[in-house]
Amino acid sequence: MRWLLLLFLVFIPRPANCQQYVYEYSPLCSKAYEQYMSLNLSAGNATIRQELVNNPYNLMATYLADYEDCLLLLMNGDKRDYQQRENHFDERLELLEKGNEHSPWHRLCKAGLYFHWALVHIRFGENLQAATTFRRSFLLLKENAKLFPDFPQNHIFLGTEEAVVGTVPDNYQWLASIFGMKGDVKKGVTKLTRFINSGNDQTPLRTEAIIFQIYLKFYLLSQQEEVWNFVNSSRFSTNNNLFHSFVKANIALNFRKADIALQTLQNALQIADYNKYPILDFETGTALLHKLDYDAATYFLRFLTRFKGNFFVKDAYQKLSFLSYLQKNISQAAYYRQQVLKQGSKIVDADKQAMRFAEANIYPATAILEARLLSDGGYYQIALQKLLDIDANKLSLVDRLEYYFRLGRIYDELNNDSKSIQFYTTTIQYGRSRPEHFAARSALQMGMMYERKGKKSDALRCYNECLSMRGHDFQANIDQQAKAGLNRLLQ
């Protein structure tokens, strides 16, 4: 009978809680991570399933599986997807709680989970939930840094979060104050950079750190030229990588390089999962719009047909209205303007501005609108000529404000500082109390110009003047950049 008892003890299934959960960044985990970070989400899921078959108690696989949910929700913004997937957060967190508290990965993975879902909550306009979730991530990272000061991955999220907290716009400052969070742009980005430079392509989670660094340097450290050089280098390959292609095109559009954005997106068409992300059609339409290419309408309509989210919908209809207006199809322009009023949300600044345009029902002068689109695409000489052909005295106040601002921006890009400052100053003089963003943006751009020249006191004056203007378009975005400027100069 004794041998039967021994046989029973050997082969009886052991309860799950007797198993040892681990955090193992295995080769399959590494492969899945890179697939997710290429937006090849289905391949990433298949690899994670294979890892869980091999090692069902590997919590690293549980953590990485969350990338599929968050990336899909951030890119596509589908409320139905959100409703189907939001319970995954609690399920994964419950599993991660079973991990070894003595592993530096334990708190890091939970913090990463909180951070990613904070971004998702922001995308869906759930700002208080986002702040609460963000704080939980922040506190876990702080605790992990004390317990494991030499754990390099801690710098990924902690550096990013410190940089973001350091530039919280005034309308969200109360959240940071209540939650006791303090940050610093330079110190945060320094942590990220230190982590990136100390590793290589095989370092766990390094790809994500690079993406964070790109956007923080571009928007908060005003290092656009450095970022632009990086995304165009071999260190940031877009070959068969949809995420890198999106990032490069997005940076190109924001750095007024419409031609390169369009080329990047056209090359990305060859990547298998391109059509899963309608936002790429929106980006393509925007690049064509800056060339005054009326084929842009095809891409905006495709975006609106396939996109199930709410952000950039009003913006897309505004752009369609502008295209119809430029083609002198006034009835169609009016129809698209009505759609701005009816469709989408006002979560992002671009949609808020589109809504204000639709409510006002005032179109810019044709030449002003063409100059705006061309200059935002980097076609400065053509835009400048259109502006120089205008008699400013015949413009409305709003058009005249944009006229001065566009001249300031174009001369800024053409390195004619004296003329640029002249037109920026005029814009601020006449527009500081207006709801348009031209005056605040002029103050911001002058601050950046003076900062580049090492004129600290002038830069500080301009950034503070920018922040003193309230109730204008793109308030959150402009305020964040101005606060980042102050943060840089006062450290």
Protein backbone atom coordinates (compact mmCIF):
# COMPACT_ATOMS: atom_id res chain seq x y z
CA MET A 1 0.00 0.00 0.00
CA ARG A 2 2.88 2.35 0.66
CA TRP A 3 3.91 2.39 -2.98
CA LEU A 4 0.34 3.30 -3.97
CA LEU A 5 0.46 6.26 -1.58
CA LEU A 6 3.78 7.42 -3.04
CA LEU A 7 2.41 7.05 -6.57
CA PHE A 8 -0.66 9.14 -5.60
CA LEU A 9 1.50 11.90 -4.11
CA VAL A 10 3.71 12.07 -7.20
CA PHE A 11 0.96 12.27 -9.81
CA ILE A 12 -1.83 14.18 -8.04
CA PRO A 13 -2.23 17.63 -9.63
CA ARG A 14 -0.88 20.31 -7.32
CA PRO A 15 -3.03 23.37 -6.56
CA ALA A 16 -2.14 26.44 -8.59
CA ASN A 17 -1.12 28.39 -5.52
CA CYS A 18 1.69 25.90 -4.96
CA GLN A 19 3.28 26.93 -8.23
CA GLN A 20 6.00 29.56 -8.31
CA TYR A 21 5.15 32.62 -10.38
CA VAL A 22 8.14 34.20 -12.10
CA TYR A 23 9.06 37.28 -14.14
CA GLU A 24 11.14 35.87 -16.99
CA TYR A 25 11.88 38.02 -20.03
CA SER A 26 12.30 34.93 -22.18
CA PRO A 27 13.21 34.94 -25.90
CA LEU A 28 9.52 34.50 -26.74
CA CYS A 29 8.62 37.45 -24.49
CA SER A 30 11.25 39.54 -26.22
CA LYS A 31 9.87 38.54 -29.61
CA ALA A 32 6.27 39.32 -28.59
CA TYR A 33 7.29 42.73 -27.23
CA GLU A 34 8.92 43.73 -30.51
CA GLN A 35 5.89 42.48 -32.44
CA TYR A 36 3.58 44.58 -30.29
CA MET A 37 5.84 47.60 -30.64
CA SER A 38 5.68 47.17 -34.42
CA LEU A 39 1.85 47.20 -34.20
CA ASN A 40 1.80 43.58 -35.37
CA LEU A 41 -0.63 42.79 -32.57
CA SER A 42 -1.96 39.45 -33.81
CA ALA A 43 1.58 38.06 -34.13
CA GLY A 44 2.39 39.33 -30.64
CA ASN A 45 -0.66 37.56 -29.23
CA ALA A 46 0.32 34.29 -30.92
CA THR A 47 3.82 34.51 -29.47
CA ILE A 48 2.51 35.23 -25.96
CA ARG A 49 0.19 32.22 -26.18
CA GLN A 50 3.18 30.09 -27.11
CA GLU A 51 5.10 31.43 -24.11
CA LEU A 52 2.21 30.67 -21.75
CA VAL A 53 2.01 27.11 -23.06
CA ASN A 54 5.71 26.71 -22.31
CA ASN A 55 5.61 28.56 -18.98
CA PRO A 56 2.06 29.26 -17.72
CA TYR A 57 3.37 30.94 -14.57
CA ASN A 58 5.49 33.54 -16.33
CA LEU A 59 3.96 36.86 -15.26
CA MET A 60 6.08 38.70 -17.79
CA ALA A 61 3.83 37.20 -20.46
CA THR A 62 0.79 38.41 -18.53
CA TYR A 63 2.23 41.92 -18.41
CA LEU A 64 3.23 42.03 -22.08
CA ALA A 65 -0.20 40.78 -23.21
CA ASP A 66 -1.56 44.10 -21.97
CA TYR A 67 0.29 45.94 -24.76
CA GLU A 68 -2.15 44.55 -27.32
CA ASP A 69 -5.13 46.05 -25.52
CA CYS A 70 -3.57 49.42 -24.85
CA LEU A 71 -2.00 49.96 -28.26
CA LEU A 72 -5.22 49.02 -30.04
CA LEU A 73 -7.28 51.36 -27.85
CA LEU A 74 -4.81 54.23 -28.17
CA MET A 75 -4.57 53.93 -31.95
CA ASN A 76 -8.20 53.19 -32.81
CA GLY A 77 -10.18 54.59 -29.86
CA ASP A 78 -13.13 52.27 -30.37
CA LYS A 79 -15.54 52.50 -27.42
CA ARG A 80 -16.77 48.95 -28.05
CA ASP A 81 -13.23 47.61 -27.87
CA TYR A 82 -12.78 49.56 -24.65
CA GLN A 83 -15.89 48.06 -23.08
CA GLN A 84 -14.80 44.56 -24.06
CA ARG A 85 -11.24 44.94 -22.81
CA GLU A 86 -11.31 47.19 -19.76
CA ASN A 87 -11.86 44.21 -17.44
CA HIS A 88 -8.54 42.78 -18.65
CA PHE A 89 -6.80 45.37 -16.48
CA ASP A 90 -8.23 43.96 -13.24
CA GLU A 91 -7.61 40.37 -14.35
CA ARG A 92 -3.97 41.03 -15.14
CA LEU A 93 -3.40 43.09 -12.02
CA GLU A 94 -4.82 40.25 -9.92
CA LEU A 95 -2.36 37.85 -11.53
CA LEU A 96 0.56 40.21 -11.08
CA GLU A 97 -0.24 40.50 -7.38
CA LYS A 98 0.77 36.83 -7.11
CA GLY A 99 4.32 37.63 -8.17
CA ASN A 100 7.41 37.67 -6.01
CA GLU A 101 7.57 40.99 -4.14
CA HIS A 102 11.34 40.63 -3.87
CA SER A 103 11.71 40.88 -7.65
CA PRO A 104 12.29 44.38 -9.06
CA TRP A 105 9.94 43.42 -11.90
CA HIS A 106 6.99 42.98 -9.53
CA ARG A 107 6.23 46.64 -8.90
CA LEU A 108 7.59 47.68 -12.28
CA CYS A 109 5.06 45.54 -14.17
CA LYS A 110 2.19 46.76 -12.03
CA ALA A 111 3.33 50.36 -12.52
CA GLY A 112 3.59 49.81 -16.28
CA LEU A 113 0.07 48.41 -16.30
CA TYR A 114 -1.26 51.46 -14.45
CA PHE A 115 0.66 53.86 -16.69
CA HIS A 116 -0.57 52.33 -19.94
CA TRP A 117 -4.18 52.41 -18.78
CA ALA A 118 -3.79 56.01 -17.61
CA LEU A 119 -2.98 56.84 -21.25
CA VAL A 120 -6.05 54.90 -22.35
CA HIS A 121 -8.26 56.78 -19.87
CA ILE A 122 -6.93 60.08 -21.21
CA ARG A 123 -7.70 58.95 -24.76
CA PHE A 124 -11.31 58.29 -23.77
CA GLY A 125 -11.70 61.56 -21.86
CA GLU A 126 -11.72 59.97 -18.39
CA ASN A 127 -9.35 62.50 -16.86
CA LEU A 128 -9.99 61.84 -13.17
CA GLN A 129 -9.62 58.08 -13.67
CA ALA A 130 -6.46 58.75 -15.66
CA ALA A 131 -5.00 60.90 -12.85
CA THR A 132 -5.81 58.28 -10.20
CA THR A 133 -4.28 55.48 -12.25
CA PHE A 134 -1.26 57.61 -13.11
CA ARG A 135 -0.66 58.33 -9.41
CA ARG A 136 -0.71 54.64 -8.54
CA SER A 137 1.92 54.02 -11.18
CA PHE A 138 3.99 56.96 -9.93
CA LEU A 139 3.96 55.75 -6.31
CA LEU A 140 4.85 52.18 -7.26
CA LEU A 141 7.81 53.42 -9.28
CA LYS A 142 9.02 55.64 -6.44
CA GLU A 143 8.83 52.67 -4.07
CA ASN A 144 10.61 50.41 -6.54
CA ALA A 145 13.38 52.97 -7.01
CA LYS A 146 14.01 52.97 -3.26
CA LEU A 147 14.00 49.19 -2.99
CA PHE A 148 16.00 48.54 -6.17
CA PRO A 149 17.96 51.69 -6.99
CA ASP A 150 20.10 49.90 -9.59
CA PHE A 151 17.19 48.42 -11.55
CA PRO A 152 17.49 50.15 -14.96
CA GLN A 153 13.93 49.60 -16.27
CA ASN A 154 12.57 51.75 -13.47
CA HIS A 155 13.85 54.79 -15.38
CA ILE A 156 11.55 54.14 -18.34
CA PHE A 157 8.26 54.97 -16.70
CA LEU A 158 9.58 57.06 -13.81
CA GLY A 159 11.54 59.30 -16.17
CA THR A 160 8.55 59.70 -18.47
CA GLU A 161 6.13 60.40 -15.64
CA GLU A 162 8.41 62.91 -13.93
CA ALA A 163 8.80 64.79 -17.21
CA VAL A 164 5.05 64.89 -17.79
CA VAL A 165 4.21 65.94 -14.22
CA GLY A 166 6.74 68.74 -14.53
CA THR A 167 4.65 70.34 -17.29
CA VAL A 168 1.07 69.70 -16.16
CA PRO A 169 -1.13 72.49 -17.64
CA ASP A 170 -2.75 74.85 -15.15
CA ASN A 171 -6.22 73.37 -15.62
CA TYR A 172 -4.87 70.01 -14.38
CA GLN A 173 -2.42 71.38 -11.82
CA TRP A 174 -4.89 70.80 -8.99
CA LEU A 175 -4.70 67.05 -9.66
CA ALA A 176 -0.93 66.97 -9.31
CA SER A 177 -1.17 69.12 -6.19
CA ILE A 178 -3.80 66.90 -4.54
CA PHE A 179 -1.90 63.74 -5.39
CA GLY A 180 1.42 65.18 -4.23
CA MET A 181 3.24 64.54 -7.50
CA LYS A 182 6.21 66.65 -8.51
CA GLY A 183 8.25 66.40 -11.66
CA ASP A 184 11.04 67.86 -13.70
CA VAL A 185 11.32 67.70 -17.48
CA LYS A 186 15.11 67.64 -17.72
CA LYS A 187 15.62 65.13 -14.92
CA GLY A 188 12.90 62.88 -16.28
CA VAL A 189 14.32 62.81 -19.81
CA THR A 190 17.82 62.35 -18.40
CA LYS A 191 16.66 59.15 -16.69
CA LEU A 192 15.20 57.88 -19.95
CA THR A 193 18.34 58.76 -21.89
CA ARG A 194 20.58 57.08 -19.33
CA PHE A 195 18.55 53.89 -19.62
CA ILE A 196 18.56 53.93 -23.42
CA ASN A 197 22.28 54.62 -23.72
CA SER A 198 23.22 51.90 -21.22
CA GLY A 199 21.45 49.14 -23.15
CA ASN A 200 21.14 47.69 -26.62
CA ASP A 201 18.37 46.43 -28.92
CA GLN A 202 17.91 43.33 -26.73
CA THR A 203 17.43 45.28 -23.49
CA PRO A 204 13.90 44.62 -22.16
CA LEU A 205 11.41 47.42 -22.86
CA ARG A 206 14.01 49.64 -24.55
CA THR A 207 11.90 50.20 -27.67
CA GLU A 208 9.17 51.82 -25.61
CA ALA A 209 11.66 54.07 -23.85
CA ILE A 210 12.85 55.35 -27.23
CA ILE A 211 9.30 56.28 -28.26
CA PHE A 212 8.75 58.16 -25.01
CA GLN A 213 12.07 59.95 -25.40
CA ILE A 214 11.23 61.04 -28.95
CA TYR A 215 8.02 62.80 -27.94
CA LEU A 216 9.36 64.27 -24.71
CA LYS A 217 12.40 65.73 -26.45
CA PHE A 218 10.34 67.01 -29.35
CA TYR A 219 7.55 68.69 -27.39
CA LEU A 220 8.91 69.37 -23.91
CA LEU A 221 12.63 69.94 -24.45
CA SER A 222 12.20 71.71 -27.79
CA GLN A 223 14.88 69.50 -29.37
CA GLN A 224 13.05 69.11 -32.66
CA GLU A 225 16.13 69.06 -34.88
CA GLU A 226 17.80 66.33 -32.81
CA VAL A 227 14.64 64.22 -32.82
CA TRP A 228 14.18 64.73 -36.55
CA ASN A 229 17.71 63.53 -37.25
CA PHE A 230 17.15 60.48 -35.08
CA VAL A 231 13.88 59.32 -36.67
CA ASN A 232 15.54 59.64 -40.07
CA SER A 233 18.55 57.53 -39.05
CA SER A 234 19.22 53.80 -39.23
CA ARG A 235 18.71 53.68 -35.44
CA PHE A 236 14.99 54.14 -36.02
CA SER A 237 14.15 51.83 -38.88
CA THR A 238 10.65 51.98 -40.38
CA ASN A 239 11.24 48.81 -42.40
CA ASN A 240 8.28 46.50 -41.74
CA ASN A 241 7.52 48.48 -38.59
CA LEU A 242 4.14 50.19 -38.62
CA PHE A 243 4.61 51.90 -35.25
CA HIS A 244 7.91 53.46 -36.27
CA SER A 245 6.33 54.51 -39.57
CA PHE A 246 3.47 56.20 -37.72
CA VAL A 247 5.83 57.96 -35.30
CA LYS A 248 8.12 59.20 -38.08
CA ALA A 249 5.17 60.47 -40.16
CA ASN A 250 3.60 62.11 -37.10
CA ILE A 251 6.84 63.85 -36.17
CA ALA A 252 7.31 64.90 -39.81
CA LEU A 253 3.87 66.53 -39.91
CA ASN A 254 4.52 68.36 -36.65
CA PHE A 255 7.97 69.44 -37.86
CA ARG A 256 6.50 70.79 -41.10
CA LYS A 257 7.93 68.09 -43.38
CA ALA A 258 4.78 67.05 -45.25
CA ASP A 259 6.66 65.52 -48.20
CA ILE A 260 8.57 63.10 -45.97
CA ALA A 261 5.45 62.28 -43.96
CA LEU A 262 3.66 61.34 -47.17
CA GLN A 263 6.58 59.27 -48.43
CA THR A 264 6.81 57.44 -45.09
CA LEU A 265 3.09 56.62 -45.09
CA GLN A 266 3.16 55.46 -48.71
CA ASN A 267 6.04 53.11 -47.89
CA ALA A 268 4.06 51.81 -44.90
CA LEU A 269 1.25 50.73 -47.24
CA GLN A 270 3.33 47.63 -47.95
CA ILE A 271 3.11 46.51 -44.31
CA ALA A 272 0.42 43.86 -43.78
CA ASP A 273 -1.53 45.47 -40.92
CA TYR A 274 -1.68 48.99 -42.39
CA ASN A 275 -5.45 48.92 -42.92
CA LYS A 276 -6.13 48.00 -39.31
CA TYR A 277 -5.31 51.56 -38.24
CA PRO A 278 -7.52 54.25 -39.86
CA ILE A 279 -5.47 56.98 -38.18
CA LEU A 280 -2.89 56.38 -40.92
CA ASP A 281 -5.44 57.59 -43.48
CA PHE A 282 -5.95 60.73 -41.39
CA GLU A 283 -2.19 61.36 -41.37
CA THR A 284 -1.99 60.79 -45.14
CA GLY A 285 -4.87 63.18 -45.75
CA THR A 286 -3.16 65.80 -43.59
CA ALA A 287 0.11 65.47 -45.52
CA LEU A 288 -1.73 65.91 -48.83
CA LEU A 289 -3.74 68.84 -47.46
CA HIS A 290 -0.51 70.71 -46.71
CA LYS A 291 0.40 70.36 -50.40
CA LEU A 292 -3.04 71.72 -51.33
CA ASP A 293 -3.65 68.36 -53.01
CA TYR A 294 -7.40 67.81 -53.17
CA ASP A 295 -6.94 64.02 -53.11
CA ALA A 296 -6.65 64.58 -49.36
CA ALA A 297 -10.45 64.39 -49.18
CA THR A 298 -10.38 60.71 -50.19
CA TYR A 299 -8.22 59.85 -47.18
CA PHE A 300 -10.24 61.91 -44.70
CA LEU A 301 -13.44 60.23 -45.90
CA ARG A 302 -11.83 56.80 -45.59
CA PHE A 303 -10.73 57.68 -42.08
CA LEU A 304 -14.22 58.80 -41.10
CA THR A 305 -15.81 55.70 -42.63
CA ARG A 306 -13.51 53.19 -40.93
CA PHE A 307 -12.62 54.93 -37.66
CA LYS A 308 -14.80 53.95 -34.71
CA GLY A 309 -13.36 56.38 -32.18
CA ASN A 310 -14.27 60.00 -31.43
CA PHE A 311 -10.97 61.90 -31.49
CA PHE A 312 -9.87 63.84 -34.61
CA VAL A 313 -13.34 63.34 -36.11
CA LYS A 314 -14.30 67.02 -35.83
CA ASP A 315 -10.82 67.94 -37.07
CA ALA A 316 -11.23 65.69 -40.13
CA TYR A 317 -14.60 67.25 -41.00
CA GLN A 318 -13.09 70.72 -40.60
CA LYS A 319 -10.31 69.79 -43.01
CA LEU A 320 -12.91 68.47 -45.49
CA SER A 321 -14.81 71.74 -45.13
CA PHE A 322 -11.63 73.69 -45.86
CA LEU A 323 -10.94 71.58 -48.96
CA SER A 324 -14.45 72.20 -50.30
CA TYR A 325 -14.15 75.90 -49.50
CA LEU A 326 -10.88 76.17 -51.41
CA GLN A 327 -12.56 74.44 -54.37
CA LYS A 328 -15.38 77.03 -54.12
CA ASN A 329 -17.93 74.30 -53.37
CA ILE A 330 -19.69 76.34 -50.70
CA SER A 331 -22.66 74.01 -50.18
CA GLN A 332 -20.40 71.04 -49.54
CA ALA A 333 -18.20 73.12 -47.26
CA ALA A 334 -21.32 74.04 -45.27
CA TYR A 335 -22.35 70.37 -45.05
CA TYR A 336 -18.98 69.33 -43.61
CA ARG A 337 -19.10 72.26 -41.20
CA GLN A 338 -22.44 70.95 -39.92
CA GLN A 339 -20.84 67.54 -39.39
CA VAL A 340 -18.21 69.18 -37.18
CA LEU A 341 -21.07 70.28 -34.93
CA LYS A 342 -22.72 66.85 -34.88
CA GLN A 343 -19.93 64.26 -34.91
CA GLY A 344 -17.01 63.31 -32.69
CA SER A 345 -15.89 64.66 -29.32
CA LYS A 346 -13.99 67.63 -27.90
CA ILE A 347 -11.31 65.69 -25.99
CA VAL A 348 -8.24 66.80 -27.98
CA ASP A 349 -7.30 70.40 -28.71
CA ALA A 350 -7.65 70.03 -32.49
CA ASP A 351 -11.28 68.96 -32.12
CA LYS A 352 -12.00 71.80 -29.70
CA GLN A 353 -10.66 74.29 -32.23
CA ALA A 354 -12.68 72.67 -35.03
CA MET A 355 -15.83 73.03 -32.94
CA ARG A 356 -15.18 76.71 -32.31
CA PHE A 357 -14.66 77.22 -36.07
CA ALA A 358 -17.96 75.46 -36.85
CA GLU A 359 -19.88 77.46 -34.25
CA ALA A 360 -18.46 80.76 -35.51
CA ASN A 361 -19.09 79.82 -39.17
CA ILE A 362 -16.36 82.15 -40.40
CA TYR A 363 -13.87 80.94 -42.98
CA PRO A 364 -10.44 82.51 -43.37
CA ALA A 365 -9.68 84.46 -46.52
CA THR A 366 -8.68 81.97 -49.23
CA ALA A 367 -5.09 83.20 -49.49
CA ILE A 368 -4.70 83.14 -45.70
CA LEU A 369 -5.96 79.56 -45.50
CA GLU A 370 -3.70 78.45 -48.33
CA ALA A 371 -0.71 80.12 -46.67
CA ARG A 372 -1.58 78.42 -43.37
CA LEU A 373 -1.73 74.96 -44.93
CA LEU A 374 1.39 75.43 -47.03
CA SER A 375 3.52 76.86 -44.22
CA ASP A 376 2.42 74.08 -41.83
CA GLY A 377 3.64 71.62 -44.46
CA GLY A 378 7.03 73.30 -44.80
CA TYR A 379 6.40 75.02 -48.15
CA TYR A 380 7.56 78.37 -46.84
CA GLN A 381 8.49 80.26 -49.99
CA ILE A 382 5.19 79.51 -51.71
CA ALA A 383 3.29 80.45 -48.55
CA LEU A 384 5.30 83.65 -48.13
CA GLN A 385 4.53 84.76 -51.67
CA LYS A 386 0.81 84.24 -51.10
CA LEU A 387 0.98 86.41 -47.98
CA LEU A 388 3.04 89.15 -49.64
CA ASP A 389 0.41 89.41 -52.39
CA ILE A 390 -2.27 90.24 -49.79
CA ASP A 391 -3.37 93.76 -48.86
CA ALA A 392 -3.53 93.37 -45.06
CA ASN A 393 -5.71 96.47 -44.72
CA LYS A 394 -8.55 94.67 -46.49
CA LEU A 395 -8.50 91.71 -44.08
CA SER A 396 -10.83 91.14 -41.15
CA LEU A 397 -9.30 91.36 -37.66
CA VAL A 398 -9.04 87.57 -37.32
CA ASP A 399 -7.49 87.18 -40.77
CA ARG A 400 -5.09 90.04 -40.05
CA LEU A 401 -4.01 88.34 -36.83
CA GLU A 402 -3.29 85.13 -38.68
CA TYR A 403 -1.58 87.11 -41.44
CA TYR A 404 0.87 88.61 -38.93
CA PHE A 405 1.35 85.28 -37.16
CA ARG A 406 2.02 83.35 -40.37
CA LEU A 407 4.56 85.91 -41.49
CA GLY A 408 6.24 85.60 -38.09
CA ARG A 409 6.36 81.78 -38.35
CA ILE A 410 7.65 81.78 -41.91
CA TYR A 411 10.39 84.32 -41.20
CA ASP A 412 11.21 82.32 -38.06
CA GLU A 413 11.73 79.19 -40.16
CA LEU A 414 13.74 81.19 -42.70
CA ASN A 415 16.01 82.44 -39.87
CA ASN A 416 15.05 86.09 -40.31
CA ASP A 417 14.81 86.80 -36.60
CA SER A 418 14.23 90.56 -36.75
CA LYS A 419 11.21 90.27 -39.06
CA SER A 420 9.94 87.26 -37.15
CA ILE A 421 10.00 89.13 -33.82
CA GLN A 422 8.35 92.15 -35.47
CA PHE A 423 5.35 90.12 -36.66
CA TYR A 424 5.11 88.00 -33.52
CA THR A 425 5.01 91.18 -31.42
CA THR A 426 2.30 92.68 -33.60
CA THR A 427 0.24 89.50 -33.29
CA ILE A 428 0.49 89.59 -29.49
CA GLN A 429 -0.41 93.28 -29.41
CA TYR A 430 -3.67 92.79 -31.27
CA GLY A 431 -4.57 89.24 -30.29
CA ARG A 432 -3.75 88.68 -26.61
CA SER A 433 -7.43 88.77 -25.58
CA ARG A 434 -8.75 86.85 -28.58
CA PRO A 435 -9.93 83.19 -28.54
CA GLU A 436 -7.64 82.34 -31.47
CA HIS A 437 -4.28 80.87 -30.52
CA PHE A 438 -2.15 83.18 -32.65
CA ALA A 439 -1.00 85.55 -29.88
CA ALA A 440 -0.19 82.80 -27.38
CA ARG A 441 1.63 80.83 -30.04
CA SER A 442 3.61 83.93 -31.02
CA ALA A 443 4.75 84.39 -27.41
CA LEU A 444 5.70 80.70 -27.22
CA GLN A 445 7.69 80.82 -30.46
CA MET A 446 9.52 83.99 -29.38
CA GLY A 447 10.36 82.30 -26.09
CA MET A 448 11.87 79.38 -27.97
CA MET A 449 13.80 81.74 -30.23
CA TYR A 450 15.27 83.67 -27.29
CA GLU A 451 16.06 80.41 -25.48
CA ARG A 452 18.03 79.16 -28.49
CA LYS A 453 20.00 82.41 -28.46
CA GLY A 454 20.76 82.11 -24.75
CA LYS A 455 18.68 85.18 -23.85
CA LYS A 456 17.22 83.70 -20.69
CA SER A 457 15.40 86.76 -19.32
CA ASP A 458 13.68 87.45 -22.65
CA ALA A 459 12.73 83.80 -23.00
CA LEU A 460 11.26 83.72 -19.48
CA ARG A 461 9.28 86.86 -20.19
CA CYS A 462 7.80 85.36 -23.35
CA TYR A 463 6.91 82.03 -21.76
CA ASN A 464 5.19 83.78 -18.86
CA GLU A 465 3.36 86.06 -21.27
CA CYS A 466 2.17 83.00 -23.16
CA LEU A 467 0.83 81.43 -19.97
CA SER A 468 -0.96 84.66 -19.02
CA MET A 469 -3.26 84.34 -22.05
CA ARG A 470 -6.34 82.29 -21.28
CA GLY A 471 -9.31 80.88 -23.16
CA HIS A 472 -7.67 80.42 -26.55
CA ASP A 473 -7.50 77.50 -28.96
CA PHE A 474 -5.00 74.73 -28.23
CA GLN A 475 -4.73 75.99 -24.65
CA ALA A 476 -3.49 72.74 -23.06
CA ASN A 477 -0.90 72.04 -25.74
CA ILE A 478 0.54 75.56 -25.81
CA ASP A 479 0.53 75.89 -22.01
CA GLN A 480 2.37 72.60 -21.62
CA GLN A 481 5.11 73.72 -24.01
CA ALA A 482 5.42 77.10 -22.28
CA LYS A 483 5.66 75.42 -18.85
CA ALA A 484 8.28 73.08 -20.25
CA GLY A 485 10.26 76.12 -21.36
CA LEU A 486 10.11 77.64 -17.87
CA ASN A 487 11.04 74.28 -16.40
CA ARG A 488 14.11 74.07 -18.64
CA LEU A 489 15.29 77.59 -17.85
CA LEU A 490 14.65 77.62 -14.10
CA GLN A 491 16.49 74.41 -13.21
